[in-house]
Protein backbone atom coordinates (compact mmCIF):
# COMPACT_ATOMS: atom_id res chain seq x y z
CA MET A 1 -33.92 -2.86 -14.10
CA GLY A 2 -36.55 -0.29 -13.15
CA GLU A 3 -39.21 0.94 -15.89
CA PRO A 4 -38.32 1.89 -19.35
CA PRO A 5 -38.04 5.66 -20.76
CA SER A 6 -40.73 6.91 -22.71
CA GLN A 7 -39.44 6.01 -25.64
CA LEU A 8 -37.28 3.43 -27.84
CA ASP A 9 -35.78 3.27 -30.79
CA GLY A 10 -37.87 6.42 -31.34
CA ALA A 11 -40.97 4.47 -30.80
CA ARG A 12 -43.55 5.38 -27.67
CA VAL A 13 -43.36 2.71 -24.82
CA LEU A 14 -46.91 1.48 -24.63
CA LEU A 15 -46.59 -1.18 -22.29
CA TRP A 16 -43.38 -3.29 -21.11
CA CYS A 17 -42.57 -6.11 -18.91
CA HIS A 18 -39.50 -7.46 -16.92
CA LEU A 19 -38.49 -11.50 -18.05
CA ARG A 20 -37.25 -13.69 -15.83
CA HIS A 21 -35.43 -16.48 -18.40
CA GLU A 22 -31.99 -17.04 -17.45
CA GLY A 23 -29.16 -17.29 -20.16
CA GLN A 24 -31.74 -15.19 -22.40
CA THR A 25 -29.97 -11.74 -23.73
CA SER A 26 -32.69 -9.76 -23.21
CA ALA A 27 -33.89 -8.47 -19.52
CA GLY A 28 -37.03 -6.76 -20.38
CA ALA A 29 -39.12 -6.48 -23.22
CA ALA A 30 -41.67 -3.67 -24.49
CA ILE A 31 -44.85 -2.80 -26.41
CA CYS A 32 -44.44 0.38 -28.93
CA GLN A 33 -45.46 2.64 -31.44
CA TYR A 34 -44.46 4.52 -34.06
CA ASP A 35 -46.15 7.88 -33.92
CA GLU A 36 -45.37 8.30 -37.63
CA ASP A 37 -46.90 5.96 -39.43
CA GLY A 38 -48.91 3.47 -36.16
CA SER A 39 -46.48 1.01 -36.43
CA ILE A 40 -46.05 -1.59 -34.16
CA TYR A 41 -42.40 -3.67 -32.39
CA MET A 42 -42.19 -5.17 -29.66
CA PHE A 43 -38.76 -4.12 -28.45
CA TYR A 44 -36.75 -6.68 -26.35
CA CYS A 45 -34.06 -4.98 -24.03
CA ASN A 46 -31.39 -5.24 -21.86
CA GLU A 47 -31.01 -4.69 -18.29
CA ARG A 48 -30.74 -1.09 -18.86
CA TRP A 49 -33.32 -0.91 -21.51
CA GLY A 50 -31.31 -0.93 -24.48
CA VAL A 51 -32.78 -2.58 -27.29
CA VAL A 52 -31.26 -5.89 -28.32
CA GLY A 53 -33.93 -7.28 -30.51
CA ASP A 54 -37.23 -6.75 -32.23
CA THR A 55 -40.26 -7.91 -33.55
CA ASP A 56 -42.67 -6.30 -36.29
CA HIS A 57 -47.37 -6.49 -35.48
CA SER A 58 -50.78 -4.70 -36.73
CA THR A 59 -52.06 -4.45 -33.32
CA ILE A 60 -50.63 -4.55 -29.70
CA ALA A 61 -52.49 -7.41 -29.09
CA GLU A 62 -50.72 -9.16 -31.89
CA ALA A 63 -48.24 -7.90 -30.02
CA THR A 64 -49.46 -9.16 -26.82
CA GLU A 65 -50.59 -12.77 -28.16
CA ALA A 66 -46.08 -13.12 -29.72
CA LEU A 67 -45.08 -12.35 -26.22
CA ASP A 68 -47.78 -14.98 -24.53
CA GLN A 69 -46.20 -17.14 -26.80
CA HIS A 70 -42.34 -16.91 -25.60
CA TYR A 71 -43.05 -15.57 -22.94
CA PRO A 72 -45.65 -17.21 -20.82
CA GLU A 73 -45.15 -15.64 -17.17
CA ALA A 74 -44.31 -11.48 -18.29
CA PHE A 75 -47.98 -11.64 -20.78
CA SER A 76 -49.21 -11.58 -17.00
CA ARG A 77 -46.78 -9.49 -15.79
CA LEU A 78 -47.35 -6.15 -18.29
CA ARG A 79 -47.74 -2.40 -16.56
CA ARG A 80 -48.25 0.17 -18.94
CA LEU A 81 -45.73 3.56 -18.96
CA ILE A 82 -48.30 6.21 -17.20
C-alpha cells in the first residue's frame, strides 16, 4: 500500500497514514476536504485506497483528534499529500 490518490470520493486528500491493526478492514486513513462546501471527512480505506467507511468532522483538528482516539499510533505517522 503506497500513497493515496489526490482525491477520495471526490474530496481532496489533505493528510493520510497507514493503519496497523490486525483483523481490521481498514488499511489506511485519510483526512479529506470537499472543495464545494469545505466539509471535512476522515475516510477509512482498504489496501487499494478504496473507501470502506467515513466520519464527518467540523475541523481538521477534530478529525486528527478522532484518529488519535481510535488509532493512537497512527497520529504520529500522519503525512501531508503533496
